Amino acid sequence: MIRLLLLSCLLLAGVQSASAQTASTGLRGPAPSQLFAFGARPAPVATRDTVAKTIPPTQWKSGMLIGGGLGALMLGYAGNALCNDGDGGSDGSCFGPTVGSALLGAAVGGTVGALIGGMVPER
């Protein structure tokens, strides 16, 4: 066991670095980033992109109106049906729950409709 330890120490002591592990004089490291340069400032206005960014018009308003209307009708009808289908625990008037559920349906339906309409370009 001691012989093996001495042999491995002698072998490791005589090993020199391989040619791939030495520093090469022909290669340079990466250049420092301009972002971290002392006193870095944005480019002057004259060299910035001068192309105007145009966003094409979409159908988001129509989608919001259609989605809001359908959502108000559907959720208002569902709220009224659930209120009238109860066991008589309410005071007999379903106006409040119907209007509340219709407003909730208009908000959710209008949001979804505007998002879907925003994907459709105007012609």
C-alpha atoms as a PDB file:
ATOM      1  CA  MET A   1       0.000   0.000   0.000  1.00  0.00           C
ATOM      2  CA  ILE A   2       2.846   2.374   0.878  1.00  0.00           C
ATOM      3  CA  ARG A   3       4.602   1.501  -2.389  1.00  0.00           C
ATOM      4  CA  LEU A   4       1.497   2.461  -4.365  1.00  0.00           C
ATOM      5  CA  LEU A   5       1.250   5.778  -2.512  1.00  0.00           C
ATOM      6  CA  LEU A   6       4.926   6.596  -3.117  1.00  0.00           C
ATOM      7  CA  LEU A   7       4.652   5.646  -6.794  1.00  0.00           C
ATOM      8  CA  SER A   8       1.590   7.860  -7.319  1.00  0.00           C
ATOM      9  CA  CYS A   9       3.314  10.801  -5.541  1.00  0.00           C
ATOM     10  CA  LEU A  10       6.359  10.414  -7.799  1.00  0.00           C
ATOM     11  CA  LEU A  11       4.224  10.270 -10.917  1.00  0.00           C
ATOM     12  CA  LEU A  12       2.206  13.337  -9.925  1.00  0.00           C
ATOM     13  CA  ALA A  13       5.313  15.294  -8.996  1.00  0.00           C
ATOM     14  CA  GLY A  14       6.875  14.727 -12.405  1.00  0.00           C
ATOM     15  CA  VAL A  15       3.784  15.749 -14.436  1.00  0.00           C
ATOM     16  CA  GLN A  16       4.097  18.990 -16.338  1.00  0.00           C
ATOM     17  CA  SER A  17       1.193  20.956 -17.735  1.00  0.00           C
ATOM     18  CA  ALA A  18      -0.015  19.855 -21.146  1.00  0.00           C
ATOM     19  CA  SER A  19       0.227  22.186 -24.117  1.00  0.00           C
ATOM     20  CA  ALA A  20      -3.530  22.852 -24.078  1.00  0.00           C
ATOM     21  CA  GLN A  21      -3.296  24.076 -20.499  1.00  0.00           C
ATOM     22  CA  THR A  22      -0.644  26.709 -21.071  1.00  0.00           C
ATOM     23  CA  ALA A  23      -1.431  30.328 -21.847  1.00  0.00           C
ATOM     24  CA  SER A  24      -1.519  31.016 -25.550  1.00  0.00           C
ATOM     25  CA  THR A  25      -0.130  34.314 -26.807  1.00  0.00           C
ATOM     26  CA  GLY A  26      -2.190  34.289 -30.024  1.00  0.00           C
ATOM     27  CA  LEU A  27      -5.614  34.463 -28.363  1.00  0.00           C
ATOM     28  CA  ARG A  28      -7.050  37.511 -26.652  1.00  0.00           C
ATOM     29  CA  GLY A  29      -9.802  37.521 -24.066  1.00  0.00           C
ATOM     30  CA  PRO A  30     -13.160  39.140 -24.658  1.00  0.00           C
ATOM     31  CA  ALA A  31     -13.325  42.917 -24.849  1.00  0.00           C
ATOM     32  CA  PRO A  32     -14.899  44.712 -21.882  1.00  0.00           C
ATOM     33  CA  SER A  33     -18.579  45.529 -22.226  1.00  0.00           C
ATOM     34  CA  GLN A  34     -19.554  49.066 -23.209  1.00  0.00           C
ATOM     35  CA  LEU A  35     -22.389  48.882 -20.705  1.00  0.00           C
ATOM     36  CA  PHE A  36     -19.971  48.982 -17.808  1.00  0.00           C
ATOM     37  CA  ALA A  37     -17.659  51.642 -19.237  1.00  0.00           C
ATOM     38  CA  PHE A  38     -16.998  54.624 -16.977  1.00  0.00           C
ATOM     39  CA  GLY A  39     -19.453  57.406 -17.754  1.00  0.00           C
ATOM     40  CA  ALA A  40     -21.420  55.369 -20.326  1.00  0.00           C
ATOM     41  CA  ARG A  41     -24.198  57.422 -21.875  1.00  0.00           C
ATOM     42  CA  PRO A  42     -26.914  56.575 -24.363  1.00  0.00           C
ATOM     43  CA  ALA A  43     -26.283  57.161 -28.030  1.00  0.00           C
ATOM     44  CA  PRO A  44     -27.011  60.671 -29.339  1.00  0.00           C
ATOM     45  CA  VAL A  45     -30.490  61.252 -30.724  1.00  0.00           C
ATOM     46  CA  ALA A  46     -29.229  61.581 -34.310  1.00  0.00           C
ATOM     47  CA  THR A  47     -27.955  57.988 -34.353  1.00  0.00           C
ATOM     48  CA  ARG A  48     -31.026  56.398 -32.824  1.00  0.00           C
ATOM     49  CA  ASP A  49     -33.637  54.597 -34.858  1.00  0.00           C
ATOM     50  CA  THR A  50     -35.667  57.178 -36.751  1.00  0.00           C
ATOM     51  CA  VAL A  51     -38.346  54.833 -38.093  1.00  0.00           C
ATOM     52  CA  ALA A  52     -41.691  55.635 -36.514  1.00  0.00           C
ATOM     53  CA  LYS A  53     -43.239  52.715 -34.718  1.00  0.00           C
ATOM     54  CA  THR A  54     -46.707  52.215 -36.079  1.00  0.00           C
ATOM     55  CA  ILE A  55     -49.224  50.008 -34.349  1.00  0.00           C
ATOM     56  CA  PRO A  56     -51.880  48.866 -36.810  1.00  0.00           C
ATOM     57  CA  PRO A  57     -55.473  49.548 -35.722  1.00  0.00           C
ATOM     58  CA  THR A  58     -57.418  46.559 -34.423  1.00  0.00           C
ATOM     59  CA  GLN A  59     -61.012  45.628 -33.626  1.00  0.00           C
ATOM     60  CA  TRP A  60     -60.620  45.809 -29.834  1.00  0.00           C
ATOM     61  CA  LYS A  61     -63.484  48.267 -29.344  1.00  0.00           C
ATOM     62  CA  SER A  62     -65.932  46.127 -31.287  1.00  0.00           C
ATOM     63  CA  GLY A  63     -64.771  43.036 -29.431  1.00  0.00           C
ATOM     64  CA  MET A  64     -65.234  44.793 -26.101  1.00  0.00           C
ATOM     65  CA  LEU A  65     -68.773  45.864 -26.976  1.00  0.00           C
ATOM     66  CA  ILE A  66     -69.802  42.457 -28.289  1.00  0.00           C
ATOM     67  CA  GLY A  67     -68.162  40.561 -25.428  1.00  0.00           C
ATOM     68  CA  GLY A  68     -69.524  42.928 -22.803  1.00  0.00           C
ATOM     69  CA  GLY A  69     -73.047  42.727 -24.184  1.00  0.00           C
ATOM     70  CA  LEU A  70     -73.037  38.953 -24.430  1.00  0.00           C
ATOM     71  CA  GLY A  71     -71.458  38.591 -21.013  1.00  0.00           C
ATOM     72  CA  ALA A  72     -74.013  40.910 -19.421  1.00  0.00           C
ATOM     73  CA  LEU A  73     -76.939  39.088 -21.017  1.00  0.00           C
ATOM     74  CA  MET A  74     -75.681  35.606 -20.215  1.00  0.00           C
ATOM     75  CA  LEU A  75     -74.544  36.222 -16.639  1.00  0.00           C
ATOM     76  CA  GLY A  76     -77.563  38.460 -15.919  1.00  0.00           C
ATOM     77  CA  TYR A  77     -79.887  35.713 -17.087  1.00  0.00           C
ATOM     78  CA  ALA A  78     -77.996  33.113 -15.052  1.00  0.00           C
ATOM     79  CA  GLY A  79     -78.064  35.320 -11.937  1.00  0.00           C
ATOM     80  CA  ASN A  80     -81.793  35.921 -12.321  1.00  0.00           C
ATOM     81  CA  ALA A  81     -82.470  32.225 -12.845  1.00  0.00           C
ATOM     82  CA  LEU A  82     -80.448  31.259  -9.782  1.00  0.00           C
ATOM     83  CA  CYS A  83     -82.176  33.909  -7.667  1.00  0.00           C
ATOM     84  CA  ASN A  84     -85.678  32.831  -8.740  1.00  0.00           C
ATOM     85  CA  ASP A  85     -84.851  29.155  -8.333  1.00  0.00           C
ATOM     86  CA  GLY A  86     -84.060  29.614  -4.641  1.00  0.00           C
ATOM     87  CA  ASP A  87     -86.142  28.301  -1.759  1.00  0.00           C
ATOM     88  CA  GLY A  88     -87.664  31.667  -1.050  1.00  0.00           C
ATOM     89  CA  GLY A  89     -84.908  32.831   1.285  1.00  0.00           C
ATOM     90  CA  SER A  90     -84.641  36.246  -0.376  1.00  0.00           C
ATOM     91  CA  ASP A  91     -87.035  39.149   0.078  1.00  0.00           C
ATOM     92  CA  GLY A  92     -88.723  38.365  -3.224  1.00  0.00           C
ATOM     93  CA  SER A  93     -86.869  40.888  -5.389  1.00  0.00           C
ATOM     94  CA  CYS A  94     -84.116  39.598  -7.666  1.00  0.00           C
ATOM     95  CA  PHE A  95     -83.248  43.000  -9.118  1.00  0.00           C
ATOM     96  CA  GLY A  96     -80.016  43.439  -7.142  1.00  0.00           C
ATOM     97  CA  PRO A  97     -78.502  40.014  -7.874  1.00  0.00           C
ATOM     98  CA  THR A  98     -79.530  40.231 -11.541  1.00  0.00           C
ATOM     99  CA  VAL A  99     -77.938  43.652 -12.064  1.00  0.00           C
ATOM    100  CA  GLY A 100     -74.833  42.648 -10.095  1.00  0.00           C
ATOM    101  CA  SER A 101     -74.298  39.484 -12.092  1.00  0.00           C
ATOM    102  CA  ALA A 102     -74.958  41.395 -15.334  1.00  0.00           C
ATOM    103  CA  LEU A 103     -72.288  43.973 -14.435  1.00  0.00           C
ATOM    104  CA  LEU A 104     -69.831  41.222 -13.589  1.00  0.00           C
ATOM    105  CA  GLY A 105     -70.608  39.498 -16.886  1.00  0.00           C
ATOM    106  CA  ALA A 106     -70.141  42.776 -18.775  1.00  0.00           C
ATOM    107  CA  ALA A 107     -66.737  43.365 -17.179  1.00  0.00           C
ATOM    108  CA  VAL A 108     -65.436  39.849 -17.769  1.00  0.00           C
ATOM    109  CA  GLY A 109     -66.978  39.529 -21.233  1.00  0.00           C
ATOM    110  CA  GLY A 110     -65.765  42.982 -22.270  1.00  0.00           C
ATOM    111  CA  THR A 111     -62.205  42.189 -21.188  1.00  0.00           C
ATOM    112  CA  VAL A 112     -62.138  38.893 -23.019  1.00  0.00           C
ATOM    113  CA  GLY A 113     -63.798  40.442 -26.074  1.00  0.00           C
ATOM    114  CA  ALA A 114     -61.272  43.292 -26.177  1.00  0.00           C
ATOM    115  CA  LEU A 115     -58.378  40.844 -25.975  1.00  0.00           C
ATOM    116  CA  ILE A 116     -59.807  38.733 -28.781  1.00  0.00           C
ATOM    117  CA  GLY A 117     -60.695  41.799 -30.873  1.00  0.00           C
ATOM    118  CA  GLY A 118     -57.181  43.139 -30.397  1.00  0.00           C
ATOM    119  CA  MET A 119     -55.890  40.216 -32.458  1.00  0.00           C
ATOM    120  CA  VAL A 120     -58.078  41.082 -35.461  1.00  0.00           C
ATOM    121  CA  PRO A 121     -56.679  43.874 -37.675  1.00  0.00           C
ATOM    122  CA  GLU A 122     -58.985  46.498 -39.161  1.00  0.00           C
ATOM    123  CA  ARG A 123     -59.426  46.473 -42.899  1.00  0.00           C
END
